[in-house]
Protein backbone atom coordinates (compact mmCIF):
# COMPACT_ATOMS: atom_id res chain seq x y z
CA MET A 1 -50.80 -8.70 36.71
CA ARG A 2 -49.07 -11.81 39.09
CA VAL A 3 -49.73 -15.36 37.91
CA LEU A 4 -49.39 -18.34 40.26
CA ALA A 5 -48.91 -21.64 39.81
CA PHE A 6 -51.28 -24.22 41.57
CA CYS A 7 -49.50 -25.81 44.19
CA GLY A 8 -51.42 -29.20 45.56
CA LEU A 9 -51.58 -30.01 49.14
CA SER A 10 -52.64 -32.85 51.13
CA ILE A 11 -55.98 -34.57 50.30
CA ALA A 12 -58.62 -33.51 52.91
CA LEU A 13 -61.55 -35.95 51.82
CA ILE A 14 -61.98 -39.56 50.10
CA SER A 15 -60.50 -39.40 46.33
CA ILE A 16 -62.75 -42.01 45.10
CA VAL A 17 -60.63 -44.19 42.36
CA GLY A 18 -61.45 -47.40 40.24
CA ILE A 19 -65.12 -47.10 40.25
CA THR A 20 -65.55 -46.68 36.15
CA GLY A 21 -68.29 -48.80 35.22
CA SER A 22 -70.00 -49.09 38.60
CA LYS A 23 -73.79 -48.58 39.15
CA ALA A 24 -75.97 -47.61 42.58
CA ALA A 25 -79.28 -48.88 42.81
CA GLY A 26 -81.93 -45.92 42.81
CA CYS A 27 -80.42 -43.30 45.04
CA ASP A 28 -78.67 -45.61 46.55
CA PRO A 29 -74.89 -44.90 48.03
CA LEU A 30 -71.72 -45.96 45.63
CA GLY A 31 -68.76 -46.72 48.08
CA ASP A 32 -68.38 -43.64 50.38
CA VAL A 33 -70.78 -40.78 48.21
CA GLN A 34 -74.08 -40.65 48.86
CA PHE A 35 -77.00 -38.99 46.89
CA VAL A 36 -79.31 -36.61 46.93
CA CYS A 37 -81.62 -37.37 44.05
CA ASP A 38 -84.87 -36.32 41.82
CA GLN A 39 -82.72 -33.01 40.35
CA VAL A 40 -82.91 -31.87 37.39
CA GLY A 41 -78.99 -30.32 36.07
CA ALA A 42 -78.57 -28.77 39.46
CA GLU A 43 -75.29 -26.79 38.31
CA ASP A 44 -75.64 -24.36 41.42
CA LEU A 45 -76.58 -24.85 44.82
CA VAL A 46 -76.88 -22.41 48.03
CA LEU A 47 -76.95 -23.09 51.73
CA VAL A 48 -79.76 -21.16 53.53
CA PRO A 49 -78.10 -19.92 56.56
CA GLY A 50 -79.18 -20.93 59.46
CA SER A 51 -81.66 -23.41 58.25
CA ALA A 52 -82.16 -27.09 57.18
CA TRP A 53 -82.34 -25.56 53.37
CA VAL A 54 -80.17 -25.99 50.52
CA VAL A 55 -81.66 -24.20 47.02
CA ALA A 56 -80.53 -26.19 43.87
CA SER A 57 -80.96 -24.72 39.97
CA GLY A 58 -81.38 -26.75 37.25
CA LEU A 59 -79.91 -26.22 33.74
CA ALA A 60 -81.40 -28.62 31.54
CA ALA A 61 -84.75 -29.70 29.95
CA GLY A 62 -87.72 -29.04 32.67
CA GLY A 63 -85.19 -27.19 35.22
CA ALA A 64 -86.53 -25.27 38.14
CA ILE A 65 -85.70 -23.62 41.25
CA ARG A 66 -85.93 -26.58 43.69
CA LEU A 67 -85.43 -26.84 47.48
CA ILE A 68 -83.96 -29.14 49.39
CA ASN A 69 -84.66 -30.49 53.08
CA VAL A 70 -81.50 -31.37 54.27
CA ARG A 71 -82.32 -33.54 57.16
CA GLU A 72 -85.16 -35.45 55.15
CA ARG A 73 -82.98 -35.21 51.50
CA THR A 74 -86.60 -34.08 50.15
CA THR A 75 -86.97 -31.59 47.32
CA THR A 76 -89.58 -29.42 46.52
CA VAL A 77 -89.69 -27.47 43.25
CA LEU A 78 -90.11 -23.52 44.27
CA PHE A 79 -90.43 -21.93 40.47
CA PRO A 80 -91.90 -22.06 37.80
CA THR A 81 -95.10 -23.27 39.51
CA ALA A 82 -98.77 -23.23 38.59
CA SER A 83 -99.53 -20.18 40.31
CA PRO A 84 -96.34 -18.16 40.93
CA ARG A 85 -96.12 -15.49 43.52
CA ASN A 86 -95.71 -11.92 42.58
CA ARG A 87 -94.91 -8.63 44.02
CA PRO A 88 -93.20 -6.63 41.69
CA ASP A 89 -90.78 -4.08 42.94
CA THR A 90 -90.31 -1.03 40.63
CA LYS A 91 -88.19 1.44 42.51
CA ALA A 92 -85.40 -0.99 42.79
CA TYR A 93 -85.88 -2.73 38.98
CA GLY A 94 -87.73 -0.21 37.07
CA SER A 95 -86.49 -1.41 33.90
CA CYS A 96 -87.88 -5.05 34.11
CA PRO A 97 -90.66 -5.27 31.69
CA GLY A 98 -92.40 -7.66 34.23
CA PRO A 99 -92.53 -11.22 35.54
CA MET A 100 -91.48 -14.11 33.49
CA ASP A 101 -94.10 -15.36 31.11
CA GLU A 102 -92.23 -18.49 30.81
CA ASP A 103 -92.65 -21.87 29.09
CA LYS A 104 -91.41 -24.34 31.99
CA GLU A 105 -89.63 -26.35 29.58
CA LYS A 106 -87.88 -23.08 28.27
CA PHE A 107 -87.11 -22.03 31.62
CA ARG A 108 -83.65 -22.47 33.05
CA ALA A 109 -81.96 -21.55 36.16
CA HIS A 110 -78.19 -21.30 35.86
CA GLY A 111 -76.07 -19.80 38.89
CA LEU A 112 -77.96 -18.74 42.05
CA TYR A 113 -76.81 -16.15 44.98
CA LEU A 114 -78.45 -15.98 48.31
CA ARG A 115 -78.20 -12.45 50.02
CA ALA A 116 -78.79 -13.51 53.96
CA GLY A 117 -81.53 -11.04 55.32
CA LYS A 118 -83.01 -10.95 58.61
CA LYS A 119 -83.88 -14.01 60.21
CA SER A 120 -85.80 -16.13 57.42
CA LEU A 121 -86.48 -13.73 54.75
CA HIS A 122 -83.82 -13.73 52.13
CA THR A 123 -82.86 -12.52 48.61
CA LEU A 124 -82.34 -14.96 45.85
CA TYR A 125 -80.98 -13.90 43.11
CA VAL A 126 -80.73 -16.14 40.03
CA VAL A 127 -79.71 -16.07 36.13
CA HIS A 128 -81.72 -16.95 33.82
CA HIS A 129 -82.21 -18.36 30.40
CA GLY A 130 -85.29 -18.89 28.93
CA ASN A 131 -87.78 -16.38 27.21
CA ARG A 132 -85.44 -13.86 28.02
CA GLU A 133 -81.47 -13.72 28.79
CA SER A 134 -81.81 -11.93 32.68
CA ILE A 135 -80.88 -11.78 36.49
CA GLU A 136 -84.11 -12.52 38.10
CA VAL A 137 -84.87 -11.67 41.75
CA PHE A 138 -87.06 -13.15 44.16
CA GLU A 139 -87.87 -13.07 48.01
CA LEU A 140 -87.41 -16.51 49.73
CA ASP A 141 -89.29 -16.94 52.91
CA THR A 142 -87.73 -20.21 54.93
CA GLY A 143 -89.74 -19.20 58.46
CA VAL A 144 -93.05 -21.02 57.83
CA LYS A 145 -93.89 -24.48 57.56
CA THR A 146 -93.46 -24.61 53.44
CA PRO A 147 -91.37 -22.10 51.97
CA THR A 148 -92.14 -19.70 49.46
CA LEU A 149 -90.53 -17.97 46.76
CA VAL A 150 -91.77 -14.55 45.50
CA TRP A 151 -90.52 -12.91 42.40
CA VAL A 152 -89.39 -9.16 43.09
CA GLY A 153 -87.78 -8.06 39.60
CA CYS A 154 -84.91 -8.32 37.26
CA ALA A 155 -82.39 -7.17 35.12
CA ILE A 156 -82.14 -8.07 31.31
CA ALA A 157 -78.72 -8.67 30.22
CA PRO A 158 -77.30 -6.58 27.54
CA GLU A 159 -77.89 -8.17 24.06
CA SER A 160 -74.65 -9.71 23.68
CA VAL A 161 -74.10 -10.98 27.08
CA ARG A 162 -74.55 -15.25 27.76
CA LEU A 163 -74.97 -14.71 31.89
CA ASN A 164 -73.50 -17.31 34.31
CA ALA A 165 -72.82 -17.01 37.84
CA VAL A 166 -73.70 -13.60 40.17
CA VAL A 167 -73.41 -11.99 43.51
CA ALA A 168 -75.29 -9.32 45.03
CA LEU A 169 -72.95 -6.41 45.63
CA PRO A 170 -72.87 -5.04 49.37
CA ASP A 171 -73.91 -1.29 47.94
CA GLY A 172 -76.63 -2.45 45.91
CA GLY A 173 -76.98 -4.22 42.70
CA PHE A 174 -75.19 -7.17 41.77
CA ALA A 175 -72.57 -8.52 39.38
CA ALA A 176 -72.37 -11.28 37.04
CA THR A 177 -70.03 -13.09 35.00
CA ASN A 178 -70.63 -13.10 30.85
CA PHE A 179 -69.53 -16.82 29.55
CA GLN A 180 -70.11 -16.99 26.16
CA PRO A 181 -69.98 -13.77 24.68
CA ARG A 182 -69.91 -13.23 20.82
CA ASP A 183 -66.61 -11.48 19.90
CA LYS A 184 -64.27 -11.72 22.81
CA ASN A 185 -63.22 -13.70 25.84
CA GLY A 186 -65.77 -12.63 28.13
CA GLU A 187 -65.58 -10.53 31.40
CA LEU A 188 -67.53 -9.67 35.02
CA TRP A 189 -70.30 -7.08 34.31
CA GLU A 190 -72.23 -4.92 37.69
CA TRP A 191 -75.57 -3.42 36.98
CA HIS A 192 -76.97 -0.70 39.54
CA THR A 193 -80.65 0.49 39.66
CA THR A 194 -79.48 4.04 38.71
CA ASP A 195 -77.27 3.43 35.83
CA GLY A 196 -77.57 -0.14 34.76
CA TRP A 197 -74.94 -2.46 33.29
CA LYS A 198 -71.25 -1.57 32.73
CA ILE A 199 -68.13 -4.22 31.99
CA VAL A 200 -65.77 -4.05 35.20
CA PRO A 201 -62.55 -3.02 34.51
CA GLY A 202 -59.50 -5.65 34.15
CA SER A 203 -61.95 -8.71 34.18
CA ASP A 204 -61.49 -9.66 30.79
CA ALA A 205 -61.66 -13.89 31.03
CA SER A 206 -61.32 -17.10 29.10
CA GLY A 207 -64.84 -18.55 30.36
CA ALA A 208 -65.86 -16.17 32.86
CA ASN A 209 -67.72 -18.80 35.23
CA GLY A 210 -68.17 -19.02 39.14
CA LEU A 211 -67.78 -16.02 41.09
CA GLU A 212 -68.01 -14.82 44.47
CA LEU A 213 -67.03 -11.62 46.61
CA SER A 214 -64.88 -10.54 49.50
CA LYS A 215 -66.93 -9.68 52.62
CA ASP A 216 -66.12 -6.41 52.79
CA GLY A 217 -67.13 -6.09 48.55
CA LYS A 218 -63.37 -4.78 48.04
CA TRP A 219 -62.21 -8.16 45.82
CA PHE A 220 -64.01 -10.21 43.34
CA TYR A 221 -63.43 -14.14 42.93
CA ILE A 222 -63.43 -15.39 39.55
CA GLY A 223 -63.57 -18.79 38.09
CA ALA A 224 -62.32 -18.76 34.60
CA TRP A 225 -63.37 -22.07 32.58
CA GLY A 226 -61.56 -21.50 29.91
CA SER A 227 -58.07 -21.06 31.00
CA GLN A 228 -58.50 -23.35 33.95
CA SER A 229 -57.71 -20.89 36.22
CA PHE A 230 -58.96 -18.67 39.84
CA ILE A 231 -58.51 -15.23 39.17
CA ARG A 232 -58.49 -12.58 42.49
CA LEU A 233 -59.60 -8.77 41.19
CA SER A 234 -60.05 -5.84 43.09
CA ARG A 235 -63.33 -3.80 43.14
CA GLY A 236 -62.71 0.07 43.29
CA GLN A 237 -58.99 0.45 43.08
CA THR A 238 -56.86 2.36 40.79
CA PRO A 239 -55.18 0.62 39.34
CA VAL A 240 -56.20 -2.38 39.07
CA LYS A 241 -55.08 -5.24 40.84
CA ARG A 242 -55.11 -8.78 39.39
CA ASP A 243 -53.74 -12.09 40.54
CA ASP A 244 -54.32 -15.54 38.06
CA VAL A 245 -53.49 -19.06 39.80
CA ALA A 246 -53.70 -21.98 37.52
CA LEU A 247 -55.31 -24.72 38.52
CA GLY A 248 -54.85 -28.18 36.15
CA PHE A 249 -58.99 -28.28 35.46
CA ARG A 250 -61.83 -25.96 34.42
CA ILE A 251 -63.19 -24.47 37.29
CA ASP A 252 -67.16 -24.01 37.48
CA ASN A 253 -68.57 -22.76 40.65
CA LEU A 254 -66.77 -20.95 43.85
CA ARG A 255 -69.01 -20.79 47.30
CA TRP A 256 -67.59 -20.04 50.55
CA ALA A 257 -66.24 -22.51 52.89
CA PRO A 258 -66.97 -22.13 56.78
CA ASP A 259 -63.54 -21.68 57.34
CA GLY A 260 -62.75 -18.66 55.22
CA THR A 261 -61.32 -20.72 52.08
CA LEU A 262 -63.27 -21.08 48.68
CA PHE A 263 -64.63 -24.06 47.27
CA GLY A 264 -63.64 -24.31 43.51
CA ALA A 265 -65.52 -27.29 41.74
CA GLY A 266 -64.93 -28.11 38.21
CA GLN A 267 -63.99 -30.62 35.45
CA GLU A 268 -60.84 -32.30 33.95
CA GLY A 269 -61.59 -33.78 30.48
CA ALA A 270 -59.54 -36.40 28.74
CA PRO A 271 -55.85 -35.90 27.05
CA ASP A 272 -57.48 -35.13 23.59
CA GLY A 273 -59.53 -32.29 25.80
CA SER A 274 -63.09 -34.09 25.14
CA LEU A 275 -65.48 -33.42 27.95
CA THR A 276 -67.75 -36.69 27.40
CA LYS A 277 -66.29 -38.56 30.60
CA THR A 278 -64.60 -35.89 32.92
CA THR A 279 -62.86 -36.44 36.21
CA SER A 280 -64.64 -33.98 39.00
CA HIS A 281 -62.33 -31.68 41.06
CA VAL A 282 -63.06 -29.74 43.91
CA VAL A 283 -60.21 -27.70 45.78
CA LYS A 284 -60.32 -25.00 48.74
CA ILE A 285 -58.31 -21.79 47.54
CA ASN A 286 -57.22 -19.56 50.15
CA PRO A 287 -58.29 -16.22 49.16
CA GLU A 288 -55.70 -14.39 51.15
CA THR A 289 -52.56 -15.91 50.11
CA LEU A 290 -54.08 -17.70 46.95
CA GLU A 291 -52.72 -21.10 48.15
CA VAL A 292 -54.61 -24.27 46.91
CA ARG A 293 -55.65 -27.44 48.54
CA LYS A 294 -57.01 -30.52 47.27
CA ILE A 295 -60.24 -31.64 48.26
CA ILE A 296 -61.77 -34.11 46.05
CA ARG A 297 -60.82 -36.25 42.72
CA TYR A 298 -64.03 -38.02 41.74
CA PRO A 299 -62.76 -40.01 38.25
CA TYR A 300 -65.88 -40.46 35.68
CA ASN A 301 -68.50 -42.97 36.28
CA ASP A 302 -72.30 -44.02 34.68
CA VAL A 303 -73.47 -42.25 38.51
CA PHE A 304 -72.55 -38.84 38.90
CA SER A 305 -69.82 -36.69 37.05
CA PHE A 306 -69.40 -33.14 35.94
CA ALA A 307 -69.16 -31.61 38.73
CA THR A 308 -69.90 -27.77 38.56
CA VAL A 309 -69.84 -27.10 42.33
CA ALA A 310 -69.32 -27.30 45.89
CA VAL A 311 -70.55 -26.25 49.47
CA GLN A 312 -70.52 -27.70 52.98
CA VAL A 313 -73.42 -28.79 54.78
CA GLY A 314 -73.02 -30.21 57.83
CA LYS A 315 -70.42 -32.88 57.81
CA GLU A 316 -70.80 -33.05 54.61
CA VAL A 317 -69.62 -31.67 51.48
CA TRP A 318 -72.39 -31.46 48.88
CA VAL A 319 -71.15 -31.60 44.72
CA GLY A 320 -73.70 -30.36 42.34
CA SER A 321 -73.57 -31.48 38.44
CA VAL A 322 -74.74 -29.65 35.64
CA ARG A 323 -75.19 -33.58 34.30
CA GLY A 324 -78.03 -36.06 35.22
CA THR A 325 -80.23 -36.25 38.23
CA ARG A 326 -78.51 -36.00 41.67
CA ILE A 327 -76.00 -33.89 44.22
CA ALA A 328 -73.10 -36.09 45.18
CA ARG A 329 -72.84 -36.05 49.33
CA PHE A 330 -69.36 -36.62 49.99
CA PRO A 331 -67.45 -36.59 53.64
CA ALA A 332 -66.06 -33.76 55.03
CA THR A 333 -63.19 -35.23 56.97
CA GLN A 334 -61.79 -31.91 57.94
């Protein structure tokens, strides 16, 4: 295992300082930072390719899967709804006991992953906490005037696993991180229709959190929240190859950037380790060289804090948070 130190380079976006205690009225901008409001703990975000939509999760009481119109900044709840649509795929998800019998207040949408399909029909994977711990799978159709979400199946997590992030695998199935196990550090699991859940060799991590996959499916990229590090892990290779990069903050979700690097978002606590008032960080990580470049450093304020994910939307970088009701919109200067 090769361990690399964090290498801070030039700031690519605006670093906001000296704003503690500042307030924004309603959903008004705060300095150069604008917002998308009406969220509930938007812990994760995915951009729907070729469309004007972003999907947001909701990891709080009343959390839901929300669809955001990028142009109008309006938000629609996709799930749960009064009349959910179900079309079980029993061939792919034969072990799934059936659709969720969900109390809306208990429903928690955590990590998201969108597998782009043909034209406007995509597959959305959702890490779900509520009446069951599971990966829930939906069909998302954005080709209609009002996009629709149809539930198609699930995979129930092993008893000892607390899921966090998920990615679809090119050879079928998906992989997910186990953030909060009962008796060990945490790790990565794969799920396939034929043999269910299996631990990925060499994937042990302290607070295994964010997850992405290389385009060829040969490398996992993992955010280790507990050890404040980024992990590059080989998939399907013997022996396993692994590199760890120290970041200096608690990295949360990972998302691909348009230039082929990875956005890594997370939090830096107070010197005493407290996470009550955190500085939000976003970096770009080169998956080939493992070079890390600082993008955003946003000190705590009472309007937005505790960054958990970053995605590029046009000329902006949208940053989600598990806390509060806002997604922050930073100008992307390069």
